[in-house]
Amino acid sequence: MRRPPPDRIHEAATGAARVAGVDEAGRGPLAGPVLAAAVVLDPAHIPPGLADSKALTPARRAALAVLIRETAAVGLGAASVEEIDRLDILRASHLAMRRAVEALPLDPDHALIDGPFVPGGLPCPATALIRGDALSLSVAAASIVAKVARDAIMAGLARDCPGYGWERNMGYPTPGHRAALIRLGVTPHHRRTFAPVHNILCRNSSSSY
């Protein structure tokens, strides 16, 4: 059965005037940062067609990201590969979310966080919303901005480290990316605590003796 499109019911339920939707992109890849976006939509200028970024084509995501940035307040936050390896991916994702909210050009009264947990240290009250990107227009907008911004980062890293296909796989563990890891080795942009990367490092360390 087809899901209904996201709406502003959850925003209204907070009773707050300025509600930021918050989502991240890049929890699953083997390489690159995790990036989060916070978006406060203008109720009078909501871009049509907002949806979970995963349900949109790359071209549609890119077009919507431009419209969101033109009509809404947007903040971006990242956690580096080093922070991911030091903190773990969940804590690093929460750090990126907090940075995104803090980067907003206005102070939100409430935040809707995609997922089951609220990050610590947010500058406003917040509510966790599982599948928020499919339920809330604000979170859907954040998912689009985060995905498009992270994809652009990975395309840039692909030019610096050719052969891994990051401009296509965005660092996710596709067969081609895994094969390139074995063939070309681990780069500084790889997450060393993620099993496929860690296993290659251990294998290379063992073979050096």
C-alpha atoms as a PDB file:
ATOM      1  CA  MET A   1       0.000   0.000   0.000  1.00  0.00           C
ATOM      2  CA  ARG A   2       1.321   3.431  -0.960  1.00  0.00           C
ATOM      3  CA  ARG A   3       2.327   5.621   1.978  1.00  0.00           C
ATOM      4  CA  PRO A   4       0.699   9.048   2.320  1.00  0.00           C
ATOM      5  CA  PRO A   5       3.082  11.946   1.662  1.00  0.00           C
ATOM      6  CA  PRO A   6       4.728  13.721   4.607  1.00  0.00           C
ATOM      7  CA  ASP A   7       2.809  16.594   6.192  1.00  0.00           C
ATOM      8  CA  ARG A   8       3.108  19.128   9.008  1.00  0.00           C
ATOM      9  CA  ILE A   9       1.033  17.295  11.614  1.00  0.00           C
ATOM     10  CA  HIS A  10       4.054  16.497  13.771  1.00  0.00           C
ATOM     11  CA  GLU A  11       5.304  20.072  13.534  1.00  0.00           C
ATOM     12  CA  ALA A  12       1.911  21.342  14.706  1.00  0.00           C
ATOM     13  CA  ALA A  13       1.823  18.823  17.544  1.00  0.00           C
ATOM     14  CA  THR A  14       4.903  20.410  19.133  1.00  0.00           C
ATOM     15  CA  GLY A  15       3.016  23.677  19.654  1.00  0.00           C
ATOM     16  CA  ALA A  16       6.168  25.541  18.615  1.00  0.00           C
ATOM     17  CA  ALA A  17       6.370  28.374  16.103  1.00  0.00           C
ATOM     18  CA  ARG A  18       9.710  27.451  14.547  1.00  0.00           C
ATOM     19  CA  VAL A  19      10.246  23.716  14.176  1.00  0.00           C
ATOM     20  CA  ALA A  20      13.449  22.330  12.676  1.00  0.00           C
ATOM     21  CA  GLY A  21      13.407  18.994  10.914  1.00  0.00           C
ATOM     22  CA  VAL A  22      16.728  17.195  11.353  1.00  0.00           C
ATOM     23  CA  ASP A  23      18.108  14.235   9.421  1.00  0.00           C
ATOM     24  CA  GLU A  24      21.465  12.770   8.469  1.00  0.00           C
ATOM     25  CA  ALA A  25      23.022  11.148   5.433  1.00  0.00           C
ATOM     26  CA  GLY A  26      25.894   8.701   5.401  1.00  0.00           C
ATOM     27  CA  ARG A  27      25.585   6.355   8.356  1.00  0.00           C
ATOM     28  CA  GLY A  28      26.195   3.218   6.282  1.00  0.00           C
ATOM     29  CA  PRO A  29      29.113   4.072   3.958  1.00  0.00           C
ATOM     30  CA  LEU A  30      32.649   2.830   4.447  1.00  0.00           C
ATOM     31  CA  ALA A  31      34.126   6.223   3.558  1.00  0.00           C
ATOM     32  CA  GLY A  32      33.469   9.911   4.020  1.00  0.00           C
ATOM     33  CA  PRO A  33      31.874  11.995   6.750  1.00  0.00           C
ATOM     34  CA  VAL A  34      28.370  11.703   8.101  1.00  0.00           C
ATOM     35  CA  LEU A  35      26.420  14.850   7.288  1.00  0.00           C
ATOM     36  CA  ALA A  36      23.280  16.246   8.900  1.00  0.00           C
ATOM     37  CA  ALA A  37      20.893  19.006   7.927  1.00  0.00           C
ATOM     38  CA  ALA A  38      18.407  21.030   9.943  1.00  0.00           C
ATOM     39  CA  VAL A  39      15.608  22.797   8.087  1.00  0.00           C
ATOM     40  CA  VAL A  40      12.985  25.253   9.315  1.00  0.00           C
ATOM     41  CA  LEU A  41      10.403  25.552   6.555  1.00  0.00           C
ATOM     42  CA  ASP A  42       8.468  28.720   5.813  1.00  0.00           C
ATOM     43  CA  PRO A  43       4.811  27.542   5.964  1.00  0.00           C
ATOM     44  CA  ALA A  44       3.938  30.052   3.242  1.00  0.00           C
ATOM     45  CA  HIS A  45       6.631  28.810   0.841  1.00  0.00           C
ATOM     46  CA  ILE A  46       6.949  25.034   1.100  1.00  0.00           C
ATOM     47  CA  PRO A  47       8.447  23.510  -2.066  1.00  0.00           C
ATOM     48  CA  PRO A  48       6.005  21.036  -3.647  1.00  0.00           C
ATOM     49  CA  GLY A  49       6.991  17.385  -3.801  1.00  0.00           C
ATOM     50  CA  LEU A  50       8.975  17.089  -0.576  1.00  0.00           C
ATOM     51  CA  ALA A  51       9.483  13.430   0.315  1.00  0.00           C
ATOM     52  CA  ASP A  52      11.987  11.060   1.855  1.00  0.00           C
ATOM     53  CA  SER A  53      15.187  11.627  -0.125  1.00  0.00           C
ATOM     54  CA  LYS A  54      15.507   7.889  -0.787  1.00  0.00           C
ATOM     55  CA  ALA A  55      12.221   7.980  -2.736  1.00  0.00           C
ATOM     56  CA  LEU A  56      13.442  10.694  -5.120  1.00  0.00           C
ATOM     57  CA  THR A  57      15.646  10.604  -8.198  1.00  0.00           C
ATOM     58  CA  PRO A  58      19.019  12.368  -7.961  1.00  0.00           C
ATOM     59  CA  ALA A  59      17.811  15.088 -10.333  1.00  0.00           C
ATOM     60  CA  ARG A  60      14.651  15.697  -8.309  1.00  0.00           C
ATOM     61  CA  ARG A  61      16.634  15.755  -5.049  1.00  0.00           C
ATOM     62  CA  ALA A  62      19.026  18.318  -6.479  1.00  0.00           C
ATOM     63  CA  ALA A  63      16.209  20.565  -7.720  1.00  0.00           C
ATOM     64  CA  LEU A  64      14.384  20.376  -4.387  1.00  0.00           C
ATOM     65  CA  ALA A  65      17.567  21.091  -2.445  1.00  0.00           C
ATOM     66  CA  VAL A  66      17.920  24.368  -4.346  1.00  0.00           C
ATOM     67  CA  LEU A  67      14.295  25.303  -3.631  1.00  0.00           C
ATOM     68  CA  ILE A  68      14.659  24.427   0.058  1.00  0.00           C
ATOM     69  CA  ARG A  69      17.745  26.596   0.419  1.00  0.00           C
ATOM     70  CA  GLU A  70      15.941  29.477  -1.319  1.00  0.00           C
ATOM     71  CA  THR A  71      12.811  29.334   0.860  1.00  0.00           C
ATOM     72  CA  ALA A  72      13.810  27.859   4.231  1.00  0.00           C
ATOM     73  CA  ALA A  73      16.354  28.304   7.006  1.00  0.00           C
ATOM     74  CA  VAL A  74      19.032  25.621   6.601  1.00  0.00           C
ATOM     75  CA  GLY A  75      21.904  24.479   8.796  1.00  0.00           C
ATOM     76  CA  LEU A  76      24.492  21.819   7.955  1.00  0.00           C
ATOM     77  CA  GLY A  77      26.702  19.850  10.318  1.00  0.00           C
ATOM     78  CA  ALA A  78      29.246  17.103   9.755  1.00  0.00           C
ATOM     79  CA  ALA A  79      31.216  14.586  11.752  1.00  0.00           C
ATOM     80  CA  SER A  80      34.538  13.560  10.261  1.00  0.00           C
ATOM     81  CA  VAL A  81      35.875  10.088   9.616  1.00  0.00           C
ATOM     82  CA  GLU A  82      38.158  10.534  12.637  1.00  0.00           C
ATOM     83  CA  GLU A  83      35.164  11.409  14.827  1.00  0.00           C
ATOM     84  CA  ILE A  84      33.193   8.444  13.492  1.00  0.00           C
ATOM     85  CA  ASP A  85      36.046   6.079  14.348  1.00  0.00           C
ATOM     86  CA  ARG A  86      36.536   7.640  17.784  1.00  0.00           C
ATOM     87  CA  LEU A  87      32.902   7.987  18.858  1.00  0.00           C
ATOM     88  CA  ASP A  88      31.071   5.291  16.801  1.00  0.00           C
ATOM     89  CA  ILE A  89      28.647   6.077  14.004  1.00  0.00           C
ATOM     90  CA  LEU A  90      25.567   6.699  16.177  1.00  0.00           C
ATOM     91  CA  ARG A  91      27.298   9.237  18.419  1.00  0.00           C
ATOM     92  CA  ALA A  92      28.961  10.849  15.405  1.00  0.00           C
ATOM     93  CA  SER A  93      25.587  11.135  13.659  1.00  0.00           C
ATOM     94  CA  HIS A  94      24.162  12.821  16.742  1.00  0.00           C
ATOM     95  CA  LEU A  95      27.128  15.183  16.849  1.00  0.00           C
ATOM     96  CA  ALA A  96      26.502  16.128  13.206  1.00  0.00           C
ATOM     97  CA  MET A  97      22.806  16.698  13.983  1.00  0.00           C
ATOM     98  CA  ARG A  98      23.628  18.979  16.905  1.00  0.00           C
ATOM     99  CA  ARG A  99      26.043  20.942  14.750  1.00  0.00           C
ATOM    100  CA  ALA A 100      23.375  21.281  12.042  1.00  0.00           C
ATOM    101  CA  VAL A 101      20.846  22.722  14.499  1.00  0.00           C
ATOM    102  CA  GLU A 102      23.483  25.072  15.902  1.00  0.00           C
ATOM    103  CA  ALA A 103      24.313  26.212  12.346  1.00  0.00           C
ATOM    104  CA  LEU A 104      20.764  27.391  11.635  1.00  0.00           C
ATOM    105  CA  PRO A 105      20.558  31.145  10.970  1.00  0.00           C
ATOM    106  CA  LEU A 106      17.684  31.364  13.460  1.00  0.00           C
ATOM    107  CA  ASP A 107      16.978  29.748  16.817  1.00  0.00           C
ATOM    108  CA  PRO A 108      14.389  26.951  16.507  1.00  0.00           C
ATOM    109  CA  ASP A 109      11.799  26.474  19.237  1.00  0.00           C
ATOM    110  CA  HIS A 110      11.714  22.683  18.742  1.00  0.00           C
ATOM    111  CA  ALA A 111      13.425  20.019  16.647  1.00  0.00           C
ATOM    112  CA  LEU A 112      12.023  16.872  15.080  1.00  0.00           C
ATOM    113  CA  ILE A 113      14.807  14.286  14.889  1.00  0.00           C
ATOM    114  CA  ASP A 114      14.656  11.445  12.387  1.00  0.00           C
ATOM    115  CA  GLY A 115      15.093   8.143  14.226  1.00  0.00           C
ATOM    116  CA  PRO A 116      14.439   6.708  17.685  1.00  0.00           C
ATOM    117  CA  PHE A 117      16.846   8.896  19.689  1.00  0.00           C
ATOM    118  CA  VAL A 118      17.286  12.573  20.517  1.00  0.00           C
ATOM    119  CA  PRO A 119      20.925  13.731  20.421  1.00  0.00           C
ATOM    120  CA  GLY A 120      22.297  15.231  23.591  1.00  0.00           C
ATOM    121  CA  GLY A 121      23.253  18.866  23.857  1.00  0.00           C
ATOM    122  CA  LEU A 122      20.706  20.306  21.449  1.00  0.00           C
ATOM    123  CA  PRO A 123      19.988  24.011  21.942  1.00  0.00           C
ATOM    124  CA  CYS A 124      16.203  23.448  21.962  1.00  0.00           C
ATOM    125  CA  PRO A 125      13.657  20.810  23.017  1.00  0.00           C
ATOM    126  CA  ALA A 126      13.358  17.928  20.578  1.00  0.00           C
ATOM    127  CA  THR A 127      11.242  14.921  19.674  1.00  0.00           C
ATOM    128  CA  ALA A 128      12.484  11.700  18.084  1.00  0.00           C
ATOM    129  CA  LEU A 129      10.380  10.612  15.116  1.00  0.00           C
ATOM    130  CA  ILE A 130      10.954   7.163  13.634  1.00  0.00           C
ATOM    131  CA  ARG A 131      10.673   7.307   9.832  1.00  0.00           C
ATOM    132  CA  GLY A 132      10.437  11.044  10.228  1.00  0.00           C
ATOM    133  CA  ASP A 133      11.617  11.631   6.664  1.00  0.00           C
ATOM    134  CA  ALA A 134       8.447   9.901   5.439  1.00  0.00           C
ATOM    135  CA  LEU A 135       6.134  11.576   7.963  1.00  0.00           C
ATOM    136  CA  SER A 136       7.251  15.173   8.436  1.00  0.00           C
ATOM    137  CA  LEU A 137       7.781  17.762   5.712  1.00  0.00           C
ATOM    138  CA  SER A 138      10.529  19.429   7.732  1.00  0.00           C
ATOM    139  CA  VAL A 139      12.433  16.183   8.244  1.00  0.00           C
ATOM    140  CA  ALA A 140      11.908  15.225   4.588  1.00  0.00           C
ATOM    141  CA  ALA A 141      13.425  18.567   3.580  1.00  0.00           C
ATOM    142  CA  ALA A 142      16.381  17.934   5.888  1.00  0.00           C
ATOM    143  CA  SER A 143      16.891  14.469   4.411  1.00  0.00           C
ATOM    144  CA  ILE A 144      17.056  15.968   0.907  1.00  0.00           C
ATOM    145  CA  VAL A 145      19.510  18.717   1.820  1.00  0.00           C
ATOM    146  CA  ALA A 146      21.748  16.325   3.755  1.00  0.00           C
ATOM    147  CA  LYS A 147      21.810  13.731   0.970  1.00  0.00           C
ATOM    148  CA  VAL A 148      22.564  16.236  -1.790  1.00  0.00           C
ATOM    149  CA  ALA A 149      25.283  17.948   0.250  1.00  0.00           C
ATOM    150  CA  ARG A 150      26.965  14.678   1.185  1.00  0.00           C
ATOM    151  CA  ASP A 151      26.821  13.366  -2.381  1.00  0.00           C
ATOM    152  CA  ALA A 152      28.654  16.510  -3.491  1.00  0.00           C
ATOM    153  CA  ILE A 153      31.355  15.899  -0.864  1.00  0.00           C
ATOM    154  CA  MET A 154      31.820  12.326  -2.039  1.00  0.00           C
ATOM    155  CA  ALA A 155      32.054  13.429  -5.669  1.00  0.00           C
ATOM    156  CA  GLY A 156      34.863  15.771  -4.641  1.00  0.00           C
ATOM    157  CA  LEU A 157      36.653  13.033  -2.710  1.00  0.00           C
ATOM    158  CA  ALA A 158      36.301  10.759  -5.750  1.00  0.00           C
ATOM    159  CA  ARG A 159      38.372  13.207  -7.780  1.00  0.00           C
ATOM    160  CA  ASP A 160      41.089  13.107  -5.114  1.00  0.00           C
ATOM    161  CA  CYS A 161      40.963   9.305  -4.765  1.00  0.00           C
ATOM    162  CA  PRO A 162      39.961   7.828  -8.125  1.00  0.00           C
ATOM    163  CA  GLY A 163      39.161   4.158  -8.545  1.00  0.00           C
ATOM    164  CA  TYR A 164      36.752   3.618  -5.647  1.00  0.00           C
ATOM    165  CA  GLY A 165      33.677   4.841  -7.507  1.00  0.00           C
ATOM    166  CA  TRP A 166      32.603   7.258  -4.777  1.00  0.00           C
ATOM    167  CA  GLU A 167      30.962   9.507  -7.364  1.00  0.00           C
ATOM    168  CA  ARG A 168      28.533   6.600  -7.952  1.00  0.00           C
ATOM    169  CA  ASN A 169      28.400   4.592  -4.722  1.00  0.00           C
ATOM    170  CA  MET A 170      28.889   7.571  -2.326  1.00  0.00           C
ATOM    171  CA  GLY A 171      31.162   5.411  -0.193  1.00  0.00           C
ATOM    172  CA  TYR A 172      28.647   2.638   0.406  1.00  0.00           C
ATOM    173  CA  PRO A 173      29.989  -0.954   0.459  1.00  0.00           C
ATOM    174  CA  THR A 174      29.061  -1.924  -3.092  1.00  0.00           C
ATOM    175  CA  PRO A 175      30.899  -4.870  -4.715  1.00  0.00           C
ATOM    176  CA  GLY A 176      32.924  -2.406  -6.779  1.00  0.00           C
ATOM    177  CA  HIS A 177      33.958  -0.404  -3.722  1.00  0.00           C
ATOM    178  CA  ARG A 178      34.933  -3.555  -1.816  1.00  0.00           C
ATOM    179  CA  ALA A 179      36.974  -4.782  -4.778  1.00  0.00           C
ATOM    180  CA  ALA A 180      38.746  -1.410  -5.017  1.00  0.00           C
ATOM    181  CA  LEU A 181      39.573  -1.566  -1.312  1.00  0.00           C
ATOM    182  CA  ILE A 182      41.340  -4.868  -1.846  1.00  0.00           C
ATOM    183  CA  ARG A 183      43.029  -3.699  -5.027  1.00  0.00           C
ATOM    184  CA  LEU A 184      43.996  -0.141  -4.080  1.00  0.00           C
ATOM    185  CA  GLY A 185      44.040  -0.240  -0.290  1.00  0.00           C
ATOM    186  CA  VAL A 186      42.588   1.931   2.452  1.00  0.00           C
ATOM    187  CA  THR A 187      42.560   5.728   2.067  1.00  0.00           C
ATOM    188  CA  PRO A 188      42.532   8.390   4.810  1.00  0.00           C
ATOM    189  CA  HIS A 189      38.840   8.876   3.982  1.00  0.00           C
ATOM    190  CA  HIS A 190      37.877   5.308   4.951  1.00  0.00           C
ATOM    191  CA  ARG A 191      36.261   4.520   8.300  1.00  0.00           C
ATOM    192  CA  ARG A 192      38.764   2.215   9.942  1.00  0.00           C
ATOM    193  CA  THR A 193      36.359   0.849  12.547  1.00  0.00           C
ATOM    194  CA  PHE A 194      33.908  -0.427   9.922  1.00  0.00           C
ATOM    195  CA  ALA A 195      34.354  -4.165   9.481  1.00  0.00           C
ATOM    196  CA  PRO A 196      35.278  -4.382   5.757  1.00  0.00           C
ATOM    197  CA  VAL A 197      37.938  -1.685   6.184  1.00  0.00           C
ATOM    198  CA  HIS A 198      39.144  -2.996   9.548  1.00  0.00           C
ATOM    199  CA  ASN A 199      39.491  -6.516   8.155  1.00  0.00           C
ATOM    200  CA  ILE A 200      41.681  -5.326   5.280  1.00  0.00           C
ATOM    201  CA  LEU A 201      43.883  -3.356   7.657  1.00  0.00           C
ATOM    202  CA  CYS A 202      44.260  -6.403   9.903  1.00  0.00           C
ATOM    203  CA  ARG A 203      45.026  -8.641   6.932  1.00  0.00           C
ATOM    204  CA  ASN A 204      47.691  -6.233   5.629  1.00  0.00           C
ATOM    205  CA  SER A 205      49.176  -5.905   9.122  1.00  0.00           C
ATOM    206  CA  SER A 206      49.396  -9.677   9.504  1.00  0.00           C
ATOM    207  CA  SER A 207      50.998 -10.147   6.090  1.00  0.00           C
ATOM    208  CA  SER A 208      53.737  -7.628   6.923  1.00  0.00           C
ATOM    209  CA  TYR A 209      55.279  -9.927   9.534  1.00  0.00           C
END
